[in-house]
Amino acid sequence: MTLRAWIVTLLPLIGVATLVFVFGGGEWTALRALGLGASVVGFALLTLARLQLGSAFSLSPRASKLVTTGLYARLRHPVYVFSLLGISGLILYFGELTLLAVVPVIALAQLVRARREDRVLEQHFGDEYRAYRDKTWF
């Protein structure tokens, strides 16, 4: 894996750790603990998904290989799912509940990206991708 790929992979975890360390003071509540748990789980699984994607990762949709193992055996777009969980967790952790209003906007943007990726993968891999799509969620 290239240095750029490692940076893109580890950046979410480093960002969460930095935010929690620098701005994480305050009283512990159930909501805050839930937020920390959701962000840690979300960003850890995002990192795992990114590692499992390997060289198939790109910022714009392309079809270099079809990854169907690991987290991708159940989810077609785990990076999007787990990034949304991580971001939601951070919002809860910091108690900025008004920011929850941006979660549906982010989800919609990720849905649009996912559909674009689906089209590219279906065009390139055809029946193999359709069979994979039929046995996975999002």
Protein backbone atom coordinates (compact mmCIF):
# COMPACT_ATOMS: atom_id res chain seq x y z
CA MET A 1 0.00 0.00 0.00
CA THR A 2 1.32 3.44 -0.87
CA LEU A 3 1.96 6.19 1.67
CA ARG A 4 -1.04 8.11 0.31
CA ALA A 5 -3.27 5.06 0.78
CA TRP A 6 -2.07 4.63 4.39
CA ILE A 7 -2.76 8.31 5.11
CA VAL A 8 -6.27 8.11 3.66
CA THR A 9 -6.87 4.90 5.61
CA LEU A 10 -5.61 6.04 8.99
CA LEU A 11 -6.72 9.67 8.84
CA PRO A 12 -10.22 9.02 10.26
CA LEU A 13 -8.83 7.21 13.32
CA ILE A 14 -6.16 9.85 13.88
CA GLY A 15 -8.76 12.59 13.52
CA VAL A 16 -11.12 11.02 16.06
CA ALA A 17 -8.31 10.44 18.55
CA THR A 18 -7.13 14.03 18.16
CA LEU A 19 -10.62 15.50 18.56
CA VAL A 20 -11.33 13.44 21.65
CA PHE A 21 -7.93 14.19 23.20
CA VAL A 22 -7.93 17.93 22.49
CA PHE A 23 -11.61 18.77 22.96
CA GLY A 24 -12.85 15.83 24.98
CA GLY A 25 -12.99 17.31 28.48
CA GLY A 26 -16.23 17.48 30.36
CA GLU A 27 -18.71 15.44 32.30
CA TRP A 28 -19.43 11.90 31.17
CA THR A 29 -23.05 11.20 30.32
CA ALA A 30 -24.74 8.19 28.75
CA LEU A 31 -25.12 10.16 25.50
CA ARG A 32 -21.44 11.06 25.49
CA ALA A 33 -20.40 7.45 26.15
CA LEU A 34 -22.74 6.25 23.39
CA GLY A 35 -21.23 8.81 21.04
CA LEU A 36 -17.68 7.77 21.84
CA GLY A 37 -18.57 4.11 21.36
CA ALA A 38 -20.31 4.77 18.05
CA SER A 39 -17.45 6.89 16.74
CA VAL A 40 -14.76 4.40 17.76
CA VAL A 41 -16.67 1.46 16.27
CA GLY A 42 -17.63 3.45 13.17
CA PHE A 43 -14.15 4.74 12.41
CA ALA A 44 -12.47 1.43 13.27
CA LEU A 45 -14.78 -0.44 10.86
CA LEU A 46 -14.31 2.33 8.28
CA THR A 47 -10.56 1.79 8.55
CA LEU A 48 -10.99 -1.99 8.23
CA ALA A 49 -13.23 -1.53 5.18
CA ARG A 50 -10.67 0.78 3.61
CA LEU A 51 -7.89 -1.75 4.23
CA GLN A 52 -10.00 -4.55 2.76
CA LEU A 53 -10.69 -2.42 -0.31
CA GLY A 54 -6.94 -2.18 -0.91
CA SER A 55 -5.94 -1.11 -4.40
CA ALA A 56 -9.60 -0.94 -5.48
CA PHE A 57 -9.95 2.31 -3.47
CA SER A 58 -10.36 5.53 -5.44
CA LEU A 59 -11.89 8.91 -4.84
CA SER A 60 -13.90 8.75 -8.03
CA PRO A 61 -15.83 5.68 -9.22
CA ARG A 62 -13.75 3.21 -11.19
CA ALA A 63 -13.82 -0.53 -11.66
CA SER A 64 -10.38 -2.03 -11.13
CA LYS A 65 -11.53 -5.08 -9.16
CA LEU A 66 -14.63 -6.30 -7.39
CA VAL A 67 -14.07 -6.74 -3.64
CA THR A 68 -16.56 -9.25 -2.18
CA THR A 69 -14.83 -10.51 0.97
CA GLY A 70 -14.59 -9.29 4.56
CA LEU A 71 -17.03 -6.50 5.34
CA TYR A 72 -17.81 -6.34 1.62
CA ALA A 73 -19.35 -9.82 1.78
CA ARG A 74 -22.39 -8.27 3.53
CA LEU A 75 -22.22 -4.55 2.62
CA ARG A 76 -21.46 -3.09 -0.79
CA HIS A 77 -20.50 0.29 0.66
CA PRO A 78 -19.17 -0.19 4.22
CA VAL A 79 -16.98 2.91 4.01
CA TYR A 80 -20.10 5.06 3.67
CA VAL A 81 -22.09 3.21 6.32
CA PHE A 82 -19.34 3.29 8.93
CA SER A 83 -18.26 6.86 8.22
CA LEU A 84 -21.84 7.95 8.87
CA LEU A 85 -21.84 6.00 12.14
CA GLY A 86 -18.52 7.57 13.14
CA ILE A 87 -19.64 11.11 12.32
CA SER A 88 -22.93 10.60 14.17
CA GLY A 89 -21.00 9.30 17.15
CA LEU A 90 -18.77 12.38 17.22
CA ILE A 91 -21.81 14.64 17.13
CA LEU A 92 -23.25 12.80 20.13
CA TYR A 93 -19.91 12.72 21.94
CA PHE A 94 -19.52 16.49 21.71
CA GLY A 95 -23.19 17.06 22.55
CA GLU A 96 -23.80 19.16 19.44
CA LEU A 97 -27.22 17.66 18.77
CA THR A 98 -28.22 20.41 16.33
CA LEU A 99 -25.52 19.05 14.03
CA LEU A 100 -27.54 15.86 13.72
CA ALA A 101 -29.45 17.81 11.06
CA VAL A 102 -26.46 17.36 8.72
CA VAL A 103 -26.52 13.56 9.04
CA PRO A 104 -29.36 13.10 6.50
CA VAL A 105 -27.56 15.46 4.10
CA ILE A 106 -24.36 13.41 4.40
CA ALA A 107 -26.37 10.19 4.02
CA LEU A 108 -28.00 11.52 0.84
CA ALA A 109 -24.62 12.55 -0.61
CA GLN A 110 -23.23 9.10 0.17
CA LEU A 111 -26.28 7.45 -1.39
CA VAL A 112 -25.72 9.42 -4.60
CA ARG A 113 -22.02 8.39 -4.64
CA ALA A 114 -22.92 4.77 -3.92
CA ARG A 115 -25.41 4.67 -6.79
CA ARG A 116 -22.80 6.15 -9.13
CA GLU A 117 -20.32 3.47 -8.03
CA ASP A 118 -22.98 0.78 -8.48
CA ARG A 119 -23.52 1.86 -12.10
CA VAL A 120 -19.78 1.83 -12.88
CA LEU A 121 -19.30 -1.60 -11.28
CA GLU A 122 -22.35 -3.04 -13.03
CA GLN A 123 -21.17 -1.75 -16.41
CA HIS A 124 -17.71 -3.25 -15.90
CA PHE A 125 -18.47 -6.54 -14.11
CA GLY A 126 -22.00 -7.22 -15.42
CA ASP A 127 -23.62 -10.39 -14.09
CA GLU A 128 -20.89 -10.94 -11.50
CA TYR A 129 -21.72 -7.57 -9.93
CA ARG A 130 -25.49 -8.10 -10.17
CA ALA A 131 -25.16 -11.44 -8.32
CA TYR A 132 -23.02 -9.74 -5.66
CA ARG A 133 -25.48 -6.84 -5.38
CA ASP A 134 -28.40 -9.22 -4.94
CA LYS A 135 -26.83 -10.92 -1.90
CA THR A 136 -25.60 -7.78 -0.10
CA TRP A 137 -27.12 -4.75 1.56
CA PHE A 138 -26.37 -1.16 0.49
